[in-house]
Amino acid sequence: MAATKGERSGIATGPNKGHKTEARVNKPRVSRTKGHLSKRTAFVREIVKEVAGLAPYERRVVELLRNSKDKRARKLAKKRLGTFGRAKAKVDELQRVIAESRRAGH
């Protein structure tokens, strides 16, 4: 009767000594979901973007992208947003916006 690792045998001696117990199932901690975008937040942001339109710096970035000045656009976005990673994400997002506007226009 070899008990598997972490399992109690119910015997008083030996490597797996002790009462037989059942492992508790812990709920995941709230801290594990930090930074996760909820459906509601995503929806609200989408509506706000639809109503308010682009920020002035975003319009400048779009203009630079249309004139094929990608590097300059990323530099401007970095200056406004703080990190190059965020800047690249924003430029990609705005390129999708430009592509959508082209599709809607034709």
N, C-alpha and C. Protein backbone atom coordinates (compact mmCIF):
# COMPACT_ATOMS: atom_id res chain seq x y z
N MET A 1 0.84 -1.20 0.00
CA MET A 1 0.00 0.00 0.00
C MET A 1 0.88 1.25 0.00
N ALA A 2 1.44 1.56 -1.13
CA ALA A 2 2.31 2.73 -1.24
C ALA A 2 1.47 3.96 -1.59
N ALA A 3 1.46 4.92 -0.67
CA ALA A 3 0.70 6.15 -0.91
C ALA A 3 1.52 7.08 -1.80
N THR A 4 0.85 7.81 -2.66
CA THR A 4 1.55 8.72 -3.55
C THR A 4 2.05 9.94 -2.78
N LYS A 5 2.91 10.72 -3.41
CA LYS A 5 3.53 11.88 -2.77
C LYS A 5 2.46 12.87 -2.28
N GLY A 6 2.60 13.25 -1.00
CA GLY A 6 1.68 14.23 -0.44
C GLY A 6 0.40 13.63 0.11
N GLU A 7 0.21 12.32 -0.10
CA GLU A 7 -1.00 11.66 0.37
C GLU A 7 -0.70 10.97 1.69
N ARG A 8 -1.60 11.01 2.64
CA ARG A 8 -1.41 10.39 3.94
C ARG A 8 -1.89 8.94 3.90
N SER A 9 -1.18 8.09 4.64
CA SER A 9 -1.50 6.67 4.64
C SER A 9 -2.51 6.30 5.72
N GLY A 10 -2.63 7.13 6.75
CA GLY A 10 -3.49 6.80 7.88
C GLY A 10 -2.76 5.98 8.92
N ILE A 11 -1.48 5.71 8.70
CA ILE A 11 -0.65 4.95 9.62
C ILE A 11 0.17 5.93 10.46
N ALA A 12 0.47 5.52 11.71
CA ALA A 12 1.14 6.43 12.64
C ALA A 12 2.60 6.67 12.31
N THR A 13 3.24 5.74 11.57
CA THR A 13 4.66 5.91 11.27
C THR A 13 4.90 5.85 9.77
N GLY A 14 6.10 6.21 9.36
CA GLY A 14 6.46 6.12 7.96
C GLY A 14 6.48 7.48 7.29
N PRO A 15 6.92 7.52 6.03
CA PRO A 15 7.05 8.81 5.34
C PRO A 15 5.72 9.52 5.11
N ASN A 16 4.63 8.77 4.98
CA ASN A 16 3.30 9.39 4.76
C ASN A 16 2.40 9.28 5.96
N LYS A 17 2.99 9.32 7.14
CA LYS A 17 2.20 9.12 8.37
C LYS A 17 1.18 10.24 8.57
N GLY A 18 0.14 9.93 9.31
CA GLY A 18 -0.85 10.94 9.67
C GLY A 18 -2.24 10.60 9.19
N HIS A 19 -3.19 11.42 9.59
CA HIS A 19 -4.59 11.21 9.22
C HIS A 19 -4.76 11.39 7.72
N LYS A 20 -5.66 10.60 7.14
CA LYS A 20 -6.00 10.79 5.73
C LYS A 20 -6.78 12.09 5.61
N THR A 21 -6.36 12.94 4.72
CA THR A 21 -7.02 14.24 4.55
C THR A 21 -7.31 14.48 3.08
N GLU A 22 -8.18 15.41 2.83
CA GLU A 22 -8.53 15.79 1.45
C GLU A 22 -7.96 17.18 1.20
N ALA A 23 -7.32 17.35 0.05
CA ALA A 23 -6.72 18.65 -0.28
C ALA A 23 -7.82 19.69 -0.45
N ARG A 24 -7.61 20.85 0.15
CA ARG A 24 -8.58 21.94 0.01
C ARG A 24 -8.42 22.59 -1.35
N VAL A 25 -9.54 22.97 -1.94
CA VAL A 25 -9.51 23.68 -3.22
C VAL A 25 -9.65 25.16 -2.91
N ASN A 26 -8.55 25.90 -3.12
CA ASN A 26 -8.58 27.34 -2.82
C ASN A 26 -9.10 28.12 -4.02
N LYS A 27 -9.90 29.15 -3.71
CA LYS A 27 -10.34 30.04 -4.78
C LYS A 27 -9.15 30.87 -5.23
N PRO A 28 -9.06 31.19 -6.53
CA PRO A 28 -7.93 32.03 -6.97
C PRO A 28 -8.03 33.42 -6.32
N ARG A 29 -6.88 33.96 -5.96
CA ARG A 29 -6.86 35.26 -5.29
C ARG A 29 -7.23 36.39 -6.27
N VAL A 30 -7.79 37.44 -5.73
CA VAL A 30 -8.19 38.59 -6.54
C VAL A 30 -6.94 39.22 -7.18
N SER A 31 -5.81 39.16 -6.46
CA SER A 31 -4.58 39.78 -6.96
C SER A 31 -4.13 39.15 -8.27
N ARG A 32 -4.56 37.92 -8.55
CA ARG A 32 -4.17 37.24 -9.78
C ARG A 32 -4.83 37.86 -11.01
N THR A 33 -5.94 38.56 -10.81
CA THR A 33 -6.66 39.13 -11.95
C THR A 33 -6.29 40.60 -12.19
N LYS A 34 -5.31 41.11 -11.42
CA LYS A 34 -4.92 42.51 -11.58
C LYS A 34 -4.37 42.75 -12.98
N GLY A 35 -4.85 43.81 -13.62
CA GLY A 35 -4.38 44.14 -14.95
C GLY A 35 -5.18 43.48 -16.06
N HIS A 36 -6.08 42.57 -15.70
CA HIS A 36 -6.90 41.88 -16.69
C HIS A 36 -8.04 42.81 -17.12
N LEU A 37 -8.22 42.98 -18.41
CA LEU A 37 -9.26 43.88 -18.92
C LEU A 37 -10.62 43.20 -18.87
N SER A 38 -11.55 43.79 -18.12
CA SER A 38 -12.89 43.21 -18.04
C SER A 38 -13.70 43.59 -19.27
N LYS A 39 -14.74 42.80 -19.53
CA LYS A 39 -15.60 43.06 -20.70
C LYS A 39 -16.24 44.44 -20.60
N ARG A 40 -16.70 44.77 -19.40
CA ARG A 40 -17.38 46.04 -19.19
C ARG A 40 -16.45 47.22 -19.48
N THR A 41 -15.23 47.16 -18.93
CA THR A 41 -14.26 48.24 -19.13
C THR A 41 -13.93 48.40 -20.61
N ALA A 42 -13.72 47.26 -21.29
CA ALA A 42 -13.41 47.30 -22.72
C ALA A 42 -14.56 47.95 -23.49
N PHE A 43 -15.80 47.60 -23.13
CA PHE A 43 -16.98 48.15 -23.79
C PHE A 43 -17.07 49.66 -23.58
N VAL A 44 -16.87 50.09 -22.32
CA VAL A 44 -16.96 51.52 -21.99
C VAL A 44 -15.90 52.31 -22.76
N ARG A 45 -14.67 51.78 -22.81
CA ARG A 45 -13.59 52.47 -23.52
C ARG A 45 -13.92 52.59 -25.00
N GLU A 46 -14.49 51.53 -25.55
CA GLU A 46 -14.86 51.52 -26.97
C GLU A 46 -15.89 52.62 -27.26
N ILE A 47 -16.90 52.73 -26.39
CA ILE A 47 -17.95 53.75 -26.56
C ILE A 47 -17.35 55.15 -26.45
N VAL A 48 -16.48 55.35 -25.45
CA VAL A 48 -15.86 56.67 -25.25
C VAL A 48 -15.05 57.05 -26.48
N LYS A 49 -14.27 56.09 -27.01
CA LYS A 49 -13.44 56.36 -28.19
C LYS A 49 -14.32 56.72 -29.39
N GLU A 50 -15.47 56.04 -29.49
CA GLU A 50 -16.41 56.28 -30.59
C GLU A 50 -16.99 57.70 -30.50
N VAL A 51 -17.35 58.11 -29.27
CA VAL A 51 -18.00 59.41 -29.07
C VAL A 51 -16.99 60.55 -29.13
N ALA A 52 -15.87 60.40 -28.41
CA ALA A 52 -14.92 61.49 -28.26
C ALA A 52 -13.93 61.59 -29.42
N GLY A 53 -13.71 60.48 -30.12
CA GLY A 53 -12.74 60.51 -31.22
C GLY A 53 -11.32 60.40 -30.71
N LEU A 54 -10.37 60.76 -31.56
CA LEU A 54 -8.96 60.63 -31.20
C LEU A 54 -8.47 61.85 -30.41
N ALA A 55 -7.48 61.61 -29.56
CA ALA A 55 -6.83 62.71 -28.83
C ALA A 55 -5.97 63.49 -29.82
N PRO A 56 -5.65 64.74 -29.51
CA PRO A 56 -4.85 65.54 -30.45
C PRO A 56 -3.52 64.89 -30.82
N TYR A 57 -2.81 64.27 -29.84
CA TYR A 57 -1.54 63.63 -30.19
C TYR A 57 -1.76 62.41 -31.08
N GLU A 58 -2.91 61.73 -30.88
CA GLU A 58 -3.23 60.58 -31.74
C GLU A 58 -3.48 61.03 -33.18
N ARG A 59 -4.12 62.19 -33.33
CA ARG A 59 -4.35 62.72 -34.68
C ARG A 59 -3.03 63.06 -35.35
N ARG A 60 -2.08 63.60 -34.57
CA ARG A 60 -0.75 63.90 -35.12
C ARG A 60 -0.03 62.63 -35.54
N VAL A 61 -0.15 61.58 -34.72
CA VAL A 61 0.48 60.29 -35.04
C VAL A 61 -0.12 59.73 -36.32
N VAL A 62 -1.44 59.83 -36.46
CA VAL A 62 -2.12 59.34 -37.66
C VAL A 62 -1.61 60.09 -38.89
N GLU A 63 -1.46 61.40 -38.74
CA GLU A 63 -0.97 62.22 -39.85
C GLU A 63 0.44 61.79 -40.26
N LEU A 64 1.31 61.54 -39.26
CA LEU A 64 2.67 61.08 -39.55
C LEU A 64 2.66 59.72 -40.24
N LEU A 65 1.77 58.84 -39.80
CA LEU A 65 1.69 57.50 -40.40
C LEU A 65 1.23 57.60 -41.85
N ARG A 66 0.29 58.50 -42.12
CA ARG A 66 -0.20 58.67 -43.49
C ARG A 66 0.90 59.18 -44.41
N ASN A 67 1.82 59.97 -43.85
CA ASN A 67 2.96 60.48 -44.62
C ASN A 67 4.16 59.54 -44.54
N SER A 68 3.91 58.30 -44.16
CA SER A 68 4.92 57.22 -44.04
C SER A 68 6.14 57.65 -43.23
N LYS A 69 5.88 58.32 -42.11
CA LYS A 69 6.93 58.67 -41.17
C LYS A 69 6.73 57.82 -39.90
N ASP A 70 6.90 56.50 -40.06
CA ASP A 70 6.60 55.55 -38.98
C ASP A 70 7.49 55.77 -37.76
N LYS A 71 8.78 55.98 -38.01
CA LYS A 71 9.72 56.14 -36.89
C LYS A 71 9.39 57.39 -36.09
N ARG A 72 9.12 58.49 -36.78
CA ARG A 72 8.77 59.75 -36.13
C ARG A 72 7.48 59.58 -35.33
N ALA A 73 6.52 58.83 -35.90
CA ALA A 73 5.24 58.58 -35.21
C ALA A 73 5.47 57.83 -33.91
N ARG A 74 6.34 56.80 -33.96
CA ARG A 74 6.64 56.03 -32.75
C ARG A 74 7.34 56.90 -31.70
N LYS A 75 8.24 57.78 -32.16
CA LYS A 75 8.95 58.66 -31.22
C LYS A 75 7.97 59.62 -30.53
N LEU A 76 7.04 60.17 -31.30
CA LEU A 76 6.04 61.08 -30.73
C LEU A 76 5.17 60.32 -29.72
N ALA A 77 4.74 59.13 -30.10
CA ALA A 77 3.90 58.32 -29.20
C ALA A 77 4.66 57.98 -27.92
N LYS A 78 5.95 57.69 -28.06
CA LYS A 78 6.76 57.37 -26.87
C LYS A 78 6.86 58.57 -25.94
N LYS A 79 7.05 59.73 -26.52
CA LYS A 79 7.15 60.95 -25.71
C LYS A 79 5.86 61.18 -24.93
N ARG A 80 4.72 60.89 -25.55
CA ARG A 80 3.43 61.12 -24.90
C ARG A 80 3.05 60.02 -23.91
N LEU A 81 3.44 58.76 -24.21
CA LEU A 81 2.97 57.63 -23.42
C LEU A 81 3.98 57.08 -22.41
N GLY A 82 5.26 57.43 -22.61
CA GLY A 82 6.23 57.04 -21.60
C GLY A 82 7.13 55.87 -21.94
N THR A 83 6.58 54.78 -22.50
CA THR A 83 7.44 53.64 -22.82
C THR A 83 7.31 53.29 -24.29
N PHE A 84 8.38 52.69 -24.80
CA PHE A 84 8.40 52.34 -26.23
C PHE A 84 7.39 51.23 -26.54
N GLY A 85 7.21 50.33 -25.59
CA GLY A 85 6.22 49.25 -25.78
C GLY A 85 4.82 49.78 -25.96
N ARG A 86 4.45 50.72 -25.09
CA ARG A 86 3.12 51.35 -25.19
C ARG A 86 3.00 52.13 -26.49
N ALA A 87 4.10 52.79 -26.88
CA ALA A 87 4.09 53.58 -28.11
C ALA A 87 3.85 52.68 -29.32
N LYS A 88 4.55 51.53 -29.36
CA LYS A 88 4.38 50.60 -30.49
C LYS A 88 2.95 50.09 -30.55
N ALA A 89 2.38 49.76 -29.37
CA ALA A 89 1.00 49.27 -29.32
C ALA A 89 0.04 50.34 -29.84
N LYS A 90 0.26 51.60 -29.44
CA LYS A 90 -0.61 52.70 -29.85
C LYS A 90 -0.51 52.92 -31.35
N VAL A 91 0.72 52.87 -31.90
CA VAL A 91 0.92 53.08 -33.33
C VAL A 91 0.23 51.96 -34.11
N ASP A 92 0.34 50.72 -33.62
CA ASP A 92 -0.35 49.59 -34.28
C ASP A 92 -1.87 49.81 -34.26
N GLU A 93 -2.37 50.25 -33.11
CA GLU A 93 -3.81 50.52 -32.97
C GLU A 93 -4.25 51.59 -33.97
N LEU A 94 -3.46 52.67 -34.08
CA LEU A 94 -3.82 53.76 -34.98
C LEU A 94 -3.69 53.35 -36.45
N GLN A 95 -2.76 52.44 -36.75
CA GLN A 95 -2.67 51.94 -38.12
C GLN A 95 -3.92 51.14 -38.48
N ARG A 96 -4.45 50.39 -37.49
CA ARG A 96 -5.72 49.67 -37.71
C ARG A 96 -6.86 50.66 -37.94
N VAL A 97 -6.84 51.78 -37.20
CA VAL A 97 -7.88 52.82 -37.37
C VAL A 97 -7.82 53.38 -38.79
N ILE A 98 -6.59 53.65 -39.27
CA ILE A 98 -6.41 54.18 -40.63
C ILE A 98 -6.93 53.17 -41.66
N ALA A 99 -6.57 51.91 -41.48
CA ALA A 99 -7.01 50.86 -42.41
C ALA A 99 -8.53 50.76 -42.43
N GLU A 100 -9.16 50.85 -41.23
CA GLU A 100 -10.63 50.79 -41.15
C GLU A 100 -11.25 51.98 -41.87
N SER A 101 -10.67 53.17 -41.68
CA SER A 101 -11.23 54.36 -42.31
C SER A 101 -11.11 54.26 -43.83
N ARG A 102 -10.01 53.63 -44.32
CA ARG A 102 -9.86 53.41 -45.76
C ARG A 102 -10.94 52.48 -46.28
N ARG A 103 -11.18 51.40 -45.51
CA ARG A 103 -12.22 50.42 -45.91
C ARG A 103 -13.59 51.06 -45.92
N ALA A 104 -13.86 51.89 -44.90
CA ALA A 104 -15.17 52.56 -44.80
C ALA A 104 -15.33 53.60 -45.90
N GLY A 105 -14.23 54.24 -46.29
CA GLY A 105 -14.27 55.27 -47.33
C GLY A 105 -14.53 54.72 -48.71
N HIS A 106 -14.06 53.51 -48.99
CA HIS A 106 -14.24 52.93 -50.33
C HIS A 106 -15.41 52.01 -50.42
